[in-house]
Amino acid sequence: MNAVAGAVSKAFLQELLSDAVSLYNKFRSPEAVARLLELREDSEAAIAVVEFTGSFCNSCGVRDWVEDFAYLVKSMGFEAELVDCVEPSSGGGLKRIGVFRVVLRGGGGLLMN
């Protein structure tokens, strides 16, 4: 859980994203509930795959609910960008998958060990 020379460990990032999920759910549940599915490295960034479920999927502005997660991560000191918002083809009526690119502010890379 340490930030070293502009890089962070995967455990640190996992904890940060878990905190972001908890905070997201605190203010948006039960209409929207987030769950971290996967965290992987992609060149100088991390890719976080987050599942969003709830009745928000039946409203307009679905992407906004998912994109709010990126703003939460930004408020915690990281840059975050929604790269893709996927509606699963089967049984995905009340589910969306958000794919986020996450990096340290100031261009620092990630050490995913």
PDB file of N, CA and C in Angstrom:
ATOM      1  N   MET A   1       0.809  -1.190   0.000  1.00  0.00           N
ATOM      2  CA  MET A   1       0.000   0.000   0.000  1.00  0.00           C
ATOM      3  C   MET A   1       0.857   1.260   0.000  1.00  0.00           C
ATOM      4  N   ASN A   2       1.930   1.271  -0.715  1.00  0.00           N
ATOM      5  CA  ASN A   2       2.772   2.447  -0.679  1.00  0.00           C
ATOM      6  C   ASN A   2       2.933   3.040  -2.073  1.00  0.00           C
ATOM      7  N   ALA A   3       3.005   4.354  -2.114  1.00  0.00           N
ATOM      8  CA  ALA A   3       3.287   5.043  -3.369  1.00  0.00           C
ATOM      9  C   ALA A   3       4.797   5.258  -3.414  1.00  0.00           C
ATOM     10  N   VAL A   4       5.458   4.754  -4.452  1.00  0.00           N
ATOM     11  CA  VAL A   4       6.905   4.831  -4.540  1.00  0.00           C
ATOM     12  C   VAL A   4       7.298   5.436  -5.877  1.00  0.00           C
ATOM     13  N   ALA A   5       7.994   6.586  -5.840  1.00  0.00           N
ATOM     14  CA  ALA A   5       8.537   7.220  -7.035  1.00  0.00           C
ATOM     15  C   ALA A   5       7.516   7.310  -8.158  1.00  0.00           C
ATOM     16  N   GLY A   6       6.344   7.816  -7.848  1.00  0.00           N
ATOM     17  CA  GLY A   6       5.345   8.010  -8.894  1.00  0.00           C
ATOM     18  C   GLY A   6       4.628   6.744  -9.318  1.00  0.00           C
ATOM     19  N   ALA A   7       4.844   5.663  -8.625  1.00  0.00           N
ATOM     20  CA  ALA A   7       4.180   4.407  -8.961  1.00  0.00           C
ATOM     21  C   ALA A   7       3.457   3.895  -7.725  1.00  0.00           C
ATOM     22  N   VAL A   8       2.412   3.124  -7.951  1.00  0.00           N
ATOM     23  CA  VAL A   8       1.680   2.548  -6.824  1.00  0.00           C
ATOM     24  C   VAL A   8       1.542   1.054  -7.040  1.00  0.00           C
ATOM     25  N   SER A   9       1.386   0.345  -5.959  1.00  0.00           N
ATOM     26  CA  SER A   9       1.223  -1.102  -6.056  1.00  0.00           C
ATOM     27  C   SER A   9      -0.201  -1.440  -6.460  1.00  0.00           C
ATOM     28  N   LYS A  10      -0.371  -2.635  -6.941  1.00  0.00           N
ATOM     29  CA  LYS A  10      -1.702  -3.111  -7.305  1.00  0.00           C
ATOM     30  C   LYS A  10      -2.581  -3.179  -6.059  1.00  0.00           C
ATOM     31  N   ALA A  11      -2.011  -3.577  -4.925  1.00  0.00           N
ATOM     32  CA  ALA A  11      -2.776  -3.651  -3.679  1.00  0.00           C
ATOM     33  C   ALA A  11      -3.289  -2.277  -3.273  1.00  0.00           C
ATOM     34  N   PHE A  12      -2.454  -1.238  -3.425  1.00  0.00           N
ATOM     35  CA  PHE A  12      -2.873   0.122  -3.108  1.00  0.00           C
ATOM     36  C   PHE A  12      -4.022   0.542  -4.011  1.00  0.00           C
ATOM     37  N   LEU A  13      -3.886   0.290  -5.299  1.00  0.00           N
ATOM     38  CA  LEU A  13      -4.920   0.674  -6.258  1.00  0.00           C
ATOM     39  C   LEU A  13      -6.204  -0.126  -6.014  1.00  0.00           C
ATOM     40  N   GLN A  14      -6.059  -1.394  -5.682  1.00  0.00           N
ATOM     41  CA  GLN A  14      -7.221  -2.238  -5.366  1.00  0.00           C
ATOM     42  C   GLN A  14      -7.977  -1.647  -4.172  1.00  0.00           C
ATOM     43  N   GLU A  15      -7.238  -1.226  -3.157  1.00  0.00           N
ATOM     44  CA  GLU A  15      -7.863  -0.635  -1.973  1.00  0.00           C
ATOM     45  C   GLU A  15      -8.543   0.689  -2.320  1.00  0.00           C
ATOM     46  N   LEU A  16      -7.873   1.518  -3.103  1.00  0.00           N
ATOM     47  CA  LEU A  16      -8.446   2.796  -3.508  1.00  0.00           C
ATOM     48  C   LEU A  16      -9.752   2.582  -4.281  1.00  0.00           C
ATOM     49  N   LEU A  17      -9.751   1.640  -5.217  1.00  0.00           N
ATOM     50  CA  LEU A  17     -10.950   1.388  -6.017  1.00  0.00           C
ATOM     51  C   LEU A  17     -12.054   0.753  -5.170  1.00  0.00           C
ATOM     52  N   SER A  18     -11.695  -0.062  -4.204  1.00  0.00           N
ATOM     53  CA  SER A  18     -12.689  -0.620  -3.285  1.00  0.00           C
ATOM     54  C   SER A  18     -13.339   0.492  -2.468  1.00  0.00           C
ATOM     55  N   ASP A  19     -12.527   1.457  -2.036  1.00  0.00           N
ATOM     56  CA  ASP A  19     -13.068   2.614  -1.313  1.00  0.00           C
ATOM     57  C   ASP A  19     -13.989   3.429  -2.213  1.00  0.00           C
ATOM     58  N   ALA A  20     -13.600   3.592  -3.486  1.00  0.00           N
ATOM     59  CA  ALA A  20     -14.432   4.331  -4.443  1.00  0.00           C
ATOM     60  C   ALA A  20     -15.761   3.616  -4.672  1.00  0.00           C
ATOM     61  N   VAL A  21     -15.730   2.295  -4.761  1.00  0.00           N
ATOM     62  CA  VAL A  21     -16.966   1.510  -4.921  1.00  0.00           C
ATOM     63  C   VAL A  21     -17.869   1.702  -3.703  1.00  0.00           C
ATOM     64  N   SER A  22     -17.294   1.636  -2.512  1.00  0.00           N
ATOM     65  CA  SER A  22     -18.082   1.819  -1.281  1.00  0.00           C
ATOM     66  C   SER A  22     -18.731   3.198  -1.239  1.00  0.00           C
ATOM     67  N   LEU A  23     -17.968   4.219  -1.600  1.00  0.00           N
ATOM     68  CA  LEU A  23     -18.488   5.579  -1.599  1.00  0.00           C
ATOM     69  C   LEU A  23     -19.573   5.751  -2.663  1.00  0.00           C
ATOM     70  N   TYR A  24     -19.340   5.195  -3.843  1.00  0.00           N
ATOM     71  CA  TYR A  24     -20.342   5.248  -4.918  1.00  0.00           C
ATOM     72  C   TYR A  24     -21.647   4.617  -4.431  1.00  0.00           C
ATOM     73  N   ASN A  25     -21.549   3.439  -3.843  1.00  0.00           N
ATOM     74  CA  ASN A  25     -22.735   2.727  -3.386  1.00  0.00           C
ATOM     75  C   ASN A  25     -23.435   3.458  -2.236  1.00  0.00           C
ATOM     76  N   LYS A  26     -22.663   4.116  -1.382  1.00  0.00           N
ATOM     77  CA  LYS A  26     -23.241   4.845  -0.262  1.00  0.00           C
ATOM     78  C   LYS A  26     -24.227   5.907  -0.743  1.00  0.00           C
ATOM     79  N   PHE A  27     -23.891   6.591  -1.837  1.00  0.00           N
ATOM     80  CA  PHE A  27     -24.716   7.696  -2.297  1.00  0.00           C
ATOM     81  C   PHE A  27     -25.665   7.337  -3.437  1.00  0.00           C
ATOM     82  N   ARG A  28     -25.482   6.197  -4.082  1.00  0.00           N
ATOM     83  CA  ARG A  28     -26.301   5.882  -5.252  1.00  0.00           C
ATOM     84  C   ARG A  28     -27.166   4.632  -5.111  1.00  0.00           C
ATOM     85  N   SER A  29     -26.901   3.846  -4.080  1.00  0.00           N
ATOM     86  CA  SER A  29     -27.680   2.634  -3.868  1.00  0.00           C
ATOM     87  C   SER A  29     -29.034   3.015  -3.268  1.00  0.00           C
ATOM     88  N   PRO A  30     -30.107   2.377  -3.613  1.00  0.00           N
ATOM     89  CA  PRO A  30     -30.247   1.132  -4.370  1.00  0.00           C
ATOM     90  C   PRO A  30     -30.427   1.338  -5.875  1.00  0.00           C
ATOM     91  N   GLU A  31     -30.542   2.608  -6.347  1.00  0.00           N
ATOM     92  CA  GLU A  31     -30.746   2.834  -7.781  1.00  0.00           C
ATOM     93  C   GLU A  31     -29.588   2.313  -8.614  1.00  0.00           C
ATOM     94  N   ALA A  32     -28.372   2.440  -8.090  1.00  0.00           N
ATOM     95  CA  ALA A  32     -27.179   1.950  -8.782  1.00  0.00           C
ATOM     96  C   ALA A  32     -26.229   1.355  -7.752  1.00  0.00           C
ATOM     97  N   VAL A  33     -25.698   0.177  -8.057  1.00  0.00           N
ATOM     98  CA  VAL A  33     -24.750  -0.502  -7.173  1.00  0.00           C
ATOM     99  C   VAL A  33     -23.539  -0.915  -8.016  1.00  0.00           C
ATOM    100  N   ALA A  34     -22.350  -0.511  -7.559  1.00  0.00           N
ATOM    101  CA  ALA A  34     -21.103  -0.822  -8.277  1.00  0.00           C
ATOM    102  C   ALA A  34     -20.400  -2.001  -7.612  1.00  0.00           C
ATOM    103  N   ARG A  35     -19.657  -2.754  -8.442  1.00  0.00           N
ATOM    104  CA  ARG A  35     -18.842  -3.871  -7.937  1.00  0.00           C
ATOM    105  C   ARG A  35     -17.620  -3.989  -8.835  1.00  0.00           C
ATOM    106  N   LEU A  36     -16.427  -3.943  -8.247  1.00  0.00           N
ATOM    107  CA  LEU A  36     -15.185  -4.086  -9.000  1.00  0.00           C
ATOM    108  C   LEU A  36     -15.042  -5.531  -9.459  1.00  0.00           C
ATOM    109  N   LEU A  37     -14.973  -5.735 -10.775  1.00  0.00           N
ATOM    110  CA  LEU A  37     -14.845  -7.088 -11.327  1.00  0.00           C
ATOM    111  C   LEU A  37     -13.402  -7.473 -11.607  1.00  0.00           C
ATOM    112  N   GLU A  38     -12.614  -6.502 -12.081  1.00  0.00           N
ATOM    113  CA  GLU A  38     -11.259  -6.832 -12.527  1.00  0.00           C
ATOM    114  C   GLU A  38     -10.381  -5.592 -12.489  1.00  0.00           C
ATOM    115  N   LEU A  39      -9.107  -5.798 -12.216  1.00  0.00           N
ATOM    116  CA  LEU A  39      -8.098  -4.754 -12.253  1.00  0.00           C
ATOM    117  C   LEU A  39      -6.891  -5.329 -12.965  1.00  0.00           C
ATOM    118  N   ARG A  40      -6.501  -4.692 -14.076  1.00  0.00           N
ATOM    119  CA  ARG A  40      -5.354  -5.198 -14.835  1.00  0.00           C
ATOM    120  C   ARG A  40      -4.505  -4.031 -15.345  1.00  0.00           C
ATOM    121  N   GLU A  41      -3.281  -4.347 -15.716  1.00  0.00           N
ATOM    122  CA  GLU A  41      -2.337  -3.354 -16.215  1.00  0.00           C
ATOM    123  C   GLU A  41      -2.451  -3.234 -17.727  1.00  0.00           C
ATOM    124  N   ASP A  42      -2.328  -1.997 -18.219  1.00  0.00           N
ATOM    125  CA  ASP A  42      -2.334  -1.727 -19.656  1.00  0.00           C
ATOM    126  C   ASP A  42      -1.324  -0.609 -19.913  1.00  0.00           C
ATOM    127  N   SER A  43      -0.143  -0.926 -20.360  1.00  0.00           N
ATOM    128  CA  SER A  43       0.980  -0.001 -20.560  1.00  0.00           C
ATOM    129  C   SER A  43       1.210   0.827 -19.292  1.00  0.00           C
ATOM    130  N   GLU A  44       0.978   2.142 -19.320  1.00  0.00           N
ATOM    131  CA  GLU A  44       1.261   2.986 -18.157  1.00  0.00           C
ATOM    132  C   GLU A  44       0.011   3.283 -17.329  1.00  0.00           C
ATOM    133  N   ALA A  45      -1.022   2.490 -17.484  1.00  0.00           N
ATOM    134  CA  ALA A  45      -2.262   2.731 -16.746  1.00  0.00           C
ATOM    135  C   ALA A  45      -2.794   1.415 -16.201  1.00  0.00           C
ATOM    136  N   ALA A  46      -3.775   1.549 -15.361  1.00  0.00           N
ATOM    137  CA  ALA A  46      -4.517   0.379 -14.898  1.00  0.00           C
ATOM    138  C   ALA A  46      -5.879   0.433 -15.564  1.00  0.00           C
ATOM    139  N   ILE A  47      -6.428  -0.724 -15.831  1.00  0.00           N
ATOM    140  CA  ILE A  47      -7.778  -0.832 -16.378  1.00  0.00           C
ATOM    141  C   ILE A  47      -8.642  -1.459 -15.287  1.00  0.00           C
ATOM    142  N   ALA A  48      -9.665  -0.729 -14.881  1.00  0.00           N
ATOM    143  CA  ALA A  48     -10.603  -1.223 -13.884  1.00  0.00           C
ATOM    144  C   ALA A  48     -11.919  -1.536 -14.579  1.00  0.00           C
ATOM    145  N   VAL A  49     -12.411  -2.740 -14.372  1.00  0.00           N
ATOM    146  CA  VAL A  49     -13.687  -3.166 -14.937  1.00  0.00           C
ATOM    147  C   VAL A  49     -14.684  -3.224 -13.782  1.00  0.00           C
ATOM    148  N   VAL A  50     -15.742  -2.413 -13.887  1.00  0.00           N
ATOM    149  CA  VAL A  50     -16.703  -2.264 -12.805  1.00  0.00           C
ATOM    150  C   VAL A  50     -18.102  -2.587 -13.323  1.00  0.00           C
ATOM    151  N   GLU A  51     -18.801  -3.430 -12.573  1.00  0.00           N
ATOM    152  CA  GLU A  51     -20.178  -3.773 -12.914  1.00  0.00           C
ATOM    153  C   GLU A  51     -21.115  -2.834 -12.160  1.00  0.00           C
ATOM    154  N   PHE A  52     -22.126  -2.321 -12.866  1.00  0.00           N
ATOM    155  CA  PHE A  52     -23.142  -1.467 -12.274  1.00  0.00           C
ATOM    156  C   PHE A  52     -24.495  -2.137 -12.480  1.00  0.00           C
ATOM    157  N   THR A  53     -25.237  -2.316 -11.398  1.00  0.00           N
ATOM    158  CA  THR A  53     -26.562  -2.921 -11.478  1.00  0.00           C
ATOM    159  C   THR A  53     -27.563  -2.003 -10.795  1.00  0.00           C
ATOM    160  N   GLY A  54     -28.834  -2.160 -11.186  1.00  0.00           N
ATOM    161  CA  GLY A  54     -29.882  -1.400 -10.525  1.00  0.00           C
ATOM    162  C   GLY A  54     -30.897  -0.824 -11.485  1.00  0.00           C
ATOM    163  N   SER A  55     -31.884  -0.188 -10.905  1.00  0.00           N
ATOM    164  CA  SER A  55     -32.982   0.353 -11.695  1.00  0.00           C
ATOM    165  C   SER A  55     -32.570   1.530 -12.564  1.00  0.00           C
ATOM    166  N   PHE A  56     -31.412   2.148 -12.302  1.00  0.00           N
ATOM    167  CA  PHE A  56     -30.953   3.265 -13.125  1.00  0.00           C
ATOM    168  C   PHE A  56     -30.876   2.878 -14.597  1.00  0.00           C
ATOM    169  N   CYS A  57     -30.701   1.595 -14.880  1.00  0.00           N
ATOM    170  CA  CYS A  57     -30.579   1.121 -16.258  1.00  0.00           C
ATOM    171  C   CYS A  57     -31.856   1.357 -17.061  1.00  0.00           C
ATOM    172  N   ASN A  58     -32.966   1.574 -16.374  1.00  0.00           N
ATOM    173  CA  ASN A  58     -34.235   1.826 -17.055  1.00  0.00           C
ATOM    174  C   ASN A  58     -34.498   3.309 -17.263  1.00  0.00           C
ATOM    175  N   SER A  59     -33.571   4.151 -16.856  1.00  0.00           N
ATOM    176  CA  SER A  59     -33.770   5.596 -16.972  1.00  0.00           C
ATOM    177  C   SER A  59     -32.942   6.156 -18.114  1.00  0.00           C
ATOM    178  N   CYS A  60     -33.214   7.414 -18.436  1.00  0.00           N
ATOM    179  CA  CYS A  60     -32.356   8.062 -19.431  1.00  0.00           C
ATOM    180  C   CYS A  60     -31.062   8.472 -18.732  1.00  0.00           C
ATOM    181  N   GLY A  61     -30.022   8.715 -19.479  1.00  0.00           N
ATOM    182  CA  GLY A  61     -28.754   9.109 -18.889  1.00  0.00           C
ATOM    183  C   GLY A  61     -28.002   7.980 -18.217  1.00  0.00           C
ATOM    184  N   VAL A  62     -28.180   6.754 -18.720  1.00  0.00           N
ATOM    185  CA  VAL A  62     -27.530   5.583 -18.111  1.00  0.00           C
ATOM    186  C   VAL A  62     -26.020   5.773 -18.037  1.00  0.00           C
ATOM    187  N   ARG A  63     -25.421   6.276 -19.106  1.00  0.00           N
ATOM    188  CA  ARG A  63     -23.968   6.453 -19.141  1.00  0.00           C
ATOM    189  C   ARG A  63     -23.500   7.407 -18.030  1.00  0.00           C
ATOM    190  N   ASP A  64     -24.315   8.403 -17.708  1.00  0.00           N
ATOM    191  CA  ASP A  64     -23.947   9.360 -16.658  1.00  0.00           C
ATOM    192  C   ASP A  64     -23.759   8.672 -15.310  1.00  0.00           C
ATOM    193  N   TRP A  65     -24.614   7.697 -15.008  1.00  0.00           N
ATOM    194  CA  TRP A  65     -24.501   6.968 -13.742  1.00  0.00           C
ATOM    195  C   TRP A  65     -23.167   6.223 -13.676  1.00  0.00           C
ATOM    196  N   VAL A  66     -22.774   5.643 -14.803  1.00  0.00           N
ATOM    197  CA  VAL A  66     -21.508   4.892 -14.865  1.00  0.00           C
ATOM    198  C   VAL A  66     -20.326   5.862 -14.827  1.00  0.00           C
ATOM    199  N   GLU A  67     -20.420   6.948 -15.586  1.00  0.00           N
ATOM    200  CA  GLU A  67     -19.338   7.924 -15.658  1.00  0.00           C
ATOM    201  C   GLU A  67     -19.071   8.597 -14.312  1.00  0.00           C
ATOM    202  N   ASP A  68     -20.091   8.671 -13.455  1.00  0.00           N
ATOM    203  CA  ASP A  68     -19.904   9.249 -12.119  1.00  0.00           C
ATOM    204  C   ASP A  68     -18.793   8.551 -11.343  1.00  0.00           C
ATOM    205  N   PHE A  69     -18.569   7.274 -11.611  1.00  0.00           N
ATOM    206  CA  PHE A  69     -17.509   6.542 -10.920  1.00  0.00           C
ATOM    207  C   PHE A  69     -16.146   7.161 -11.217  1.00  0.00           C
ATOM    208  N   ALA A  70     -15.927   7.593 -12.454  1.00  0.00           N
ATOM    209  CA  ALA A  70     -14.651   8.224 -12.820  1.00  0.00           C
ATOM    210  C   ALA A  70     -14.438   9.512 -12.022  1.00  0.00           C
ATOM    211  N   TYR A  71     -15.489  10.286 -11.844  1.00  0.00           N
ATOM    212  CA  TYR A  71     -15.369  11.524 -11.066  1.00  0.00           C
ATOM    213  C   TYR A  71     -15.025  11.241  -9.608  1.00  0.00           C
ATOM    214  N   LEU A  72     -15.563  10.169  -9.077  1.00  0.00           N
ATOM    215  CA  LEU A  72     -15.237   9.772  -7.707  1.00  0.00           C
ATOM    216  C   LEU A  72     -13.758   9.419  -7.580  1.00  0.00           C
ATOM    217  N   VAL A  73     -13.251   8.638  -8.519  1.00  0.00           N
ATOM    218  CA  VAL A  73     -11.838   8.240  -8.496  1.00  0.00           C
ATOM    219  C   VAL A  73     -10.950   9.479  -8.639  1.00  0.00           C
ATOM    220  N   LYS A  74     -11.353  10.416  -9.498  1.00  0.00           N
ATOM    221  CA  LYS A  74     -10.590  11.663  -9.651  1.00  0.00           C
ATOM    222  C   LYS A  74     -10.524  12.431  -8.342  1.00  0.00           C
ATOM    223  N   SER A  75     -11.615  12.436  -7.596  1.00  0.00           N
ATOM    224  CA  SER A  75     -11.635  13.156  -6.320  1.00  0.00           C
ATOM    225  C   SER A  75     -10.705  12.515  -5.294  1.00  0.00           C
ATOM    226  N   MET A  76     -10.254  11.277  -5.566  1.00  0.00           N
ATOM    227  CA  MET A  76      -9.362  10.556  -4.660  1.00  0.00           C
ATOM    228  C   MET A  76      -7.904  10.663  -5.093  1.00  0.00           C
ATOM    229  N   GLY A  77      -7.597  11.522  -6.087  1.00  0.00           N
ATOM    230  CA  GLY A  77      -6.215  11.796  -6.456  1.00  0.00           C
ATOM    231  C   GLY A  77      -5.688  11.069  -7.678  1.00  0.00           C
ATOM    232  N   PHE A  78      -6.540  10.388  -8.416  1.00  0.00           N
ATOM    233  CA  PHE A  78      -6.120   9.689  -9.625  1.00  0.00           C
ATOM    234  C   PHE A  78      -6.869  10.250 -10.826  1.00  0.00           C
ATOM    235  N   GLU A  79      -6.295  10.107 -11.979  1.00  0.00           N
ATOM    236  CA  GLU A  79      -7.022  10.426 -13.205  1.00  0.00           C
ATOM    237  C   GLU A  79      -7.793   9.178 -13.595  1.00  0.00           C
ATOM    238  N   ALA A  80      -9.018   9.352 -13.993  1.00  0.00           N
ATOM    239  CA  ALA A  80      -9.845   8.216 -14.391  1.00  0.00           C
ATOM    240  C   ALA A  80     -10.686   8.631 -15.585  1.00  0.00           C
ATOM    241  N   GLU A  81     -10.793   7.725 -16.528  1.00  0.00           N
ATOM    242  CA  GLU A  81     -11.550   7.992 -17.749  1.00  0.00           C
ATOM    243  C   GLU A  81     -12.385   6.762 -18.082  1.00  0.00           C
ATOM    244  N   LEU A  82     -13.662   6.990 -18.368  1.00  0.00           N
ATOM    245  CA  LEU A  82     -14.518   5.904 -18.823  1.00  0.00           C
ATOM    246  C   LEU A  82     -14.162   5.620 -20.271  1.00  0.00           C
ATOM    247  N   VAL A  83     -13.602   4.440 -20.528  1.00  0.00           N
ATOM    248  CA  VAL A  83     -13.163   4.053 -21.863  1.00  0.00           C
ATOM    249  C   VAL A  83     -14.295   3.377 -22.637  1.00  0.00           C
ATOM    250  N   ASP A  84     -15.120   2.618 -21.919  1.00  0.00           N
ATOM    251  CA  ASP A  84     -16.210   1.902 -22.564  1.00  0.00           C
ATOM    252  C   ASP A  84     -17.320   1.646 -21.558  1.00  0.00           C
ATOM    253  N   CYS A  85     -18.537   1.674 -22.051  1.00  0.00           N
ATOM    254  CA  CYS A  85     -19.715   1.345 -21.246  1.00  0.00           C
ATOM    255  C   CYS A  85     -20.473   0.276 -22.019  1.00  0.00           C
ATOM    256  N   VAL A  86     -20.480  -0.939 -21.481  1.00  0.00           N
ATOM    257  CA  VAL A  86     -20.999  -2.095 -22.201  1.00  0.00           C
ATOM    258  C   VAL A  86     -22.333  -2.528 -21.610  1.00  0.00           C
ATOM    259  N   GLU A  87     -23.302  -2.764 -22.477  1.00  0.00           N
ATOM    260  CA  GLU A  87     -24.565  -3.361 -22.072  1.00  0.00           C
ATOM    261  C   GLU A  87     -24.506  -4.823 -22.480  1.00  0.00           C
ATOM    262  N   PRO A  88     -24.409  -5.727 -21.506  1.00  0.00           N
ATOM    263  CA  PRO A  88     -24.320  -7.148 -21.852  1.00  0.00           C
ATOM    264  C   PRO A  88     -25.491  -7.575 -22.742  1.00  0.00           C
ATOM    265  N   SER A  89     -25.195  -8.401 -23.740  1.00  0.00           N
ATOM    266  CA  SER A  89     -26.210  -8.787 -24.719  1.00  0.00           C
ATOM    267  C   SER A  89     -27.254  -9.742 -24.157  1.00  0.00           C
ATOM    268  N   SER A  90     -26.882 -10.564 -23.192  1.00  0.00           N
ATOM    269  CA  SER A  90     -27.861 -11.502 -22.640  1.00  0.00           C
ATOM    270  C   SER A  90     -28.048 -11.241 -21.154  1.00  0.00           C
ATOM    271  N   GLY A  91     -29.280 -11.017 -20.776  1.00  0.00           N
ATOM    272  CA  GLY A  91     -29.588 -10.816 -19.358  1.00  0.00           C
ATOM    273  C   GLY A  91     -29.017  -9.551 -18.771  1.00  0.00           C
ATOM    274  N   GLY A  92     -28.728  -8.562 -19.609  1.00  0.00           N
ATOM    275  CA  GLY A  92     -28.102  -7.341 -19.120  1.00  0.00           C
ATOM    276  C   GLY A  92     -29.057  -6.192 -18.950  1.00  0.00           C
ATOM    277  N   GLY A  93     -30.354  -6.466 -18.789  1.00  0.00           N
ATOM    278  CA  GLY A  93     -31.334  -5.414 -18.678  1.00  0.00           C
ATOM    279  C   GLY A  93     -31.063  -4.427 -17.568  1.00  0.00           C
ATOM    280  N   LEU A  94     -30.647  -4.902 -16.418  1.00  0.00           N
ATOM    281  CA  LEU A  94     -30.374  -4.024 -15.286  1.00  0.00           C
ATOM    282  C   LEU A  94     -28.892  -4.051 -14.924  1.00  0.00           C
ATOM    283  N   LYS A  95     -28.038  -4.112 -15.949  1.00  0.00           N
ATOM    284  CA  LYS A  95     -26.598  -4.182 -15.703  1.00  0.00           C
ATOM    285  C   LYS A  95     -25.846  -3.436 -16.804  1.00  0.00           C
ATOM    286  N   ARG A  96     -24.790  -2.745 -16.407  1.00  0.00           N
ATOM    287  CA  ARG A  96     -23.833  -2.150 -17.336  1.00  0.00           C
ATOM    288  C   ARG A  96     -22.445  -2.466 -16.806  1.00  0.00           C
ATOM    289  N   ILE A  97     -21.487  -2.561 -17.716  1.00  0.00           N
ATOM    290  CA  ILE A  97     -20.089  -2.774 -17.356  1.00  0.00           C
ATOM    291  C   ILE A  97     -19.319  -1.529 -17.783  1.00  0.00           C
ATOM    292  N   GLY A  98     -18.656  -0.894 -16.824  1.00  0.00           N
ATOM    293  CA  GLY A  98     -17.825   0.264 -17.124  1.00  0.00           C
ATOM    294  C   GLY A  98     -16.364  -0.147 -17.141  1.00  0.00           C
ATOM    295  N   VAL A  99     -15.649   0.279 -18.179  1.00  0.00           N
ATOM    296  CA  VAL A  99     -14.216   0.018 -18.295  1.00  0.00           C
ATOM    297  C   VAL A  99     -13.516   1.368 -18.145  1.00  0.00           C
ATOM    298  N   PHE A 100     -12.684   1.468 -17.107  1.00  0.00           N
ATOM    299  CA  PHE A 100     -12.041   2.734 -16.763  1.00  0.00           C
ATOM    300  C   PHE A 100     -10.530   2.622 -16.876  1.00  0.00           C
ATOM    301  N   ARG A 101      -9.909   3.670 -17.397  1.00  0.00           N
ATOM    302  CA  ARG A 101      -8.451   3.801 -17.424  1.00  0.00           C
ATOM    303  C   ARG A 101      -8.084   4.683 -16.240  1.00  0.00           C
ATOM    304  N   VAL A 102      -7.170   4.203 -15.376  1.00  0.00           N
ATOM    305  CA  VAL A 102      -6.816   4.908 -14.145  1.00  0.00           C
ATOM    306  C   VAL A 102      -5.307   5.117 -14.099  1.00  0.00           C
ATOM    307  N   VAL A 103      -4.883   6.373 -13.855  1.00  0.00           N
ATOM    308  CA  VAL A 103      -3.453   6.687 -13.716  1.00  0.00           C
ATOM    309  C   VAL A 103      -3.269   7.702 -12.594  1.00  0.00           C
ATOM    310  N   LEU A 104      -2.061   7.769 -12.062  1.00  0.00           N
ATOM    311  CA  LEU A 104      -1.722   8.795 -11.085  1.00  0.00           C
ATOM    312  C   LEU A 104      -1.770  10.160 -11.742  1.00  0.00           C
ATOM    313  N   ARG A 105      -2.180  11.176 -11.000  1.00  0.00           N
ATOM    314  CA  ARG A 105      -2.114  12.543 -11.520  1.00  0.00           C
ATOM    315  C   ARG A 105      -0.667  12.927 -11.696  1.00  0.00           C
ATOM    316  N   GLY A 106      -0.375  13.713 -12.721  1.00  0.00           N
ATOM    317  CA  GLY A 106       0.981  14.156 -12.966  1.00  0.00           C
ATOM    318  C   GLY A 106       1.772  13.191 -13.833  1.00  0.00           C
ATOM    319  N   GLY A 107       1.100  12.218 -14.447  1.00  0.00           N
ATOM    320  CA  GLY A 107       1.755  11.359 -15.409  1.00  0.00           C
ATOM    321  C   GLY A 107       2.529  10.198 -14.837  1.00  0.00           C
ATOM    322  N   GLY A 108       2.464  10.006 -13.524  1.00  0.00           N
ATOM    323  CA  GLY A 108       3.172   8.875 -12.935  1.00  0.00           C
ATOM    324  C   GLY A 108       2.601   7.561 -13.408  1.00  0.00           C
ATOM    325  N   GLY A 109       3.419   6.568 -13.507  1.00  0.00           N
ATOM    326  CA  GLY A 109       2.956   5.259 -13.962  1.00  0.00           C
ATOM    327  C   GLY A 109       2.461   4.413 -12.804  1.00  0.00           C
ATOM    328  N   LEU A 110       2.131   3.201 -13.118  1.00  0.00           N
ATOM    329  CA  LEU A 110       1.665   2.269 -12.101  1.00  0.00           C
ATOM    330  C   LEU A 110       2.608   1.077 -12.051  1.00  0.00           C
ATOM    331  N   LEU A 111       2.931   0.662 -10.866  1.00  0.00           N
ATOM    332  CA  LEU A 111       3.709  -0.556 -10.655  1.00  0.00           C
ATOM    333  C   LEU A 111       2.740  -1.590 -10.128  1.00  0.00           C
ATOM    334  N   MET A 112       2.320  -2.521 -10.971  1.00  0.00           N
ATOM    335  CA  MET A 112       1.251  -3.439 -10.618  1.00  0.00           C
ATOM    336  C   MET A 112       1.803  -4.752 -10.086  1.00  0.00           C
ATOM    337  N   ASN A 113       2.553  -4.704  -9.003  1.00  0.00           N
ATOM    338  CA  ASN A 113       3.097  -5.920  -8.387  1.00  0.00           C
ATOM    339  C   ASN A 113       2.463  -6.159  -7.053  1.00  0.00           C
TER     340      ASN A 113
END
